[in-house]
């Protein structure tokens, strides 16, 4: 299982990379493996202010639909337009071309609750 050390993680299997006040968010390699072949990504929260833990969209796989939870509070700036025609990017490149949203992190966002790569690996076993 691929778990890049430079990213932070949630127990809900999202990853986050924060650069300044902009965060890129996606699902982990573990999550895409558990979901199987991803066929659709639904995010309709662009320009919305959301709190940590809020659902910002969903991922539909052949066998299930899974909600996506925001790791930190902020405003959704954009969604990865490539996922509209290529949702399988979440399976083939979850930490690269398969990112899902970009978020302007709220001033009050608490990054300390996020997991390191090692902590996340302990969660998924």
Protein backbone atom coordinates (compact mmCIF):
# COMPACT_ATOMS: atom_id res chain seq x y z
CA UNK A 1 0.00 0.00 0.00
CA UNK A 2 1.35 3.39 -1.01
CA UNK A 3 1.24 6.02 1.78
CA UNK A 4 3.40 9.06 0.92
CA UNK A 5 5.11 10.46 4.02
CA UNK A 6 4.69 14.11 2.93
CA UNK A 7 0.88 13.91 3.12
CA UNK A 8 -1.51 13.93 6.09
CA UNK A 9 -4.44 11.52 6.42
CA UNK A 10 -7.83 11.01 8.06
CA UNK A 11 -9.41 7.91 9.56
CA UNK A 12 -12.02 8.25 6.78
CA UNK A 13 -9.28 7.53 4.18
CA UNK A 14 -8.83 11.00 2.71
CA UNK A 15 -5.38 12.51 2.20
CA UNK A 16 -4.51 16.19 2.32
CA UNK A 17 -1.52 18.21 1.14
CA UNK A 18 -1.42 21.78 2.47
CA UNK A 19 0.64 24.43 0.68
CA UNK A 20 0.21 27.85 2.26
CA UNK A 21 -3.55 28.23 2.72
CA UNK A 22 -4.50 25.90 -0.16
CA UNK A 23 -5.09 22.20 0.42
CA UNK A 24 -5.34 19.47 -2.19
CA UNK A 25 -7.53 16.56 -1.10
CA UNK A 26 -8.12 13.07 -2.42
CA UNK A 27 -8.72 9.50 -1.31
CA UNK A 28 -5.96 7.14 -0.23
CA UNK A 29 -4.54 4.18 -2.11
CA UNK A 30 -6.11 1.96 0.56
CA UNK A 31 -9.55 3.53 -0.03
CA UNK A 32 -9.46 3.14 -3.80
CA UNK A 33 -8.40 -0.49 -3.35
CA UNK A 34 -11.32 -1.16 -1.01
CA UNK A 35 -13.80 0.57 -3.32
CA UNK A 36 -12.70 -1.22 -6.48
CA UNK A 37 -13.24 0.25 -9.93
CA UNK A 38 -14.39 3.86 -9.55
CA UNK A 39 -16.93 4.90 -12.18
CA UNK A 40 -18.14 8.34 -11.04
CA UNK A 41 -17.08 11.22 -8.80
CA UNK A 42 -19.76 13.66 -7.61
CA UNK A 43 -18.71 16.97 -6.03
CA UNK A 44 -21.21 19.84 -6.03
CA UNK A 45 -19.74 21.93 -3.22
CA UNK A 46 -17.55 24.40 -5.18
CA UNK A 47 -17.59 27.87 -3.56
CA UNK A 48 -19.17 26.45 -0.38
CA UNK A 49 -17.77 27.03 3.10
CA UNK A 50 -17.67 23.68 4.87
CA UNK A 51 -16.63 22.45 8.30
CA UNK A 52 -14.22 19.68 9.14
CA UNK A 53 -16.04 16.36 8.77
CA UNK A 54 -18.70 17.68 6.37
CA UNK A 55 -19.48 15.61 3.28
CA UNK A 56 -18.07 17.40 0.22
CA UNK A 57 -19.00 14.81 -2.39
CA UNK A 58 -19.13 11.10 -3.14
CA UNK A 59 -17.33 8.44 -5.12
CA UNK A 60 -19.27 5.75 -6.93
CA UNK A 61 -17.59 2.42 -7.56
CA UNK A 62 -18.99 -0.66 -9.28
CA UNK A 63 -20.05 -2.15 -5.94
CA UNK A 64 -20.78 0.85 -3.69
CA UNK A 65 -21.09 4.61 -3.20
CA UNK A 66 -18.93 6.27 -0.56
CA UNK A 67 -19.19 9.78 0.90
CA UNK A 68 -16.14 12.04 0.95
CA UNK A 69 -15.42 13.89 4.21
CA UNK A 70 -13.52 17.15 4.52
CA UNK A 71 -10.33 16.76 6.61
CA UNK A 72 -10.31 20.46 7.60
CA UNK A 73 -12.67 23.43 7.42
CA UNK A 74 -12.51 25.71 4.40
CA UNK A 75 -13.96 26.82 1.08
CA UNK A 76 -13.97 24.44 -1.89
CA UNK A 77 -12.18 26.28 -4.71
CA UNK A 78 -12.20 23.75 -7.52
CA UNK A 79 -12.73 20.14 -8.42
CA UNK A 80 -10.47 18.07 -10.61
CA UNK A 81 -12.22 18.41 -13.99
CA UNK A 82 -10.30 15.40 -15.35
CA UNK A 83 -12.33 13.13 -13.07
CA UNK A 84 -15.51 13.86 -15.05
CA UNK A 85 -14.22 11.85 -18.02
CA UNK A 86 -11.63 9.76 -16.18
CA UNK A 87 -12.88 8.78 -12.70
CA UNK A 88 -10.50 5.82 -12.87
CA UNK A 89 -7.66 8.27 -12.10
CA UNK A 90 -8.63 7.69 -8.46
CA UNK A 91 -7.64 4.04 -8.95
CA UNK A 92 -4.53 4.53 -11.09
CA UNK A 93 -3.01 7.67 -9.51
CA UNK A 94 -4.77 8.53 -6.22
CA UNK A 95 -1.99 10.84 -4.98
CA UNK A 96 -1.28 12.57 -8.29
CA UNK A 97 -3.67 13.08 -11.19
CA UNK A 98 -6.48 11.58 -9.08
CA UNK A 99 -6.76 14.49 -6.62
CA UNK A 100 -10.40 15.47 -6.04
CA UNK A 101 -10.65 19.06 -4.75
CA UNK A 102 -8.63 22.14 -3.89
CA UNK A 103 -9.69 23.93 -0.71
CA UNK A 104 -8.90 27.33 0.79
CA UNK A 105 -8.17 26.36 4.36
CA UNK A 106 -10.13 28.30 6.99
CA UNK A 107 -8.11 30.32 9.50
CA UNK A 108 -9.51 28.17 12.28
CA UNK A 109 -8.62 24.86 10.63
CA UNK A 110 -6.93 22.42 12.99
CA UNK A 111 -4.28 20.44 11.13
CA UNK A 112 -3.01 18.79 14.32
CA UNK A 113 -5.86 16.26 14.29
CA UNK A 114 -4.64 14.79 10.99
CA UNK A 115 -2.67 11.55 10.91
CA UNK A 116 0.90 11.06 9.72
CA UNK A 117 1.61 8.32 7.15
CA UNK A 118 2.76 6.02 9.97
CA UNK A 119 -0.35 6.69 12.07
CA UNK A 120 -2.60 6.08 9.05
CA UNK A 121 -0.87 2.78 8.29
CA UNK A 122 -1.62 1.69 11.86
CA UNK A 123 -5.32 2.55 11.33
CA UNK A 124 -5.64 0.42 8.19
CA UNK A 125 -3.48 -2.38 9.56
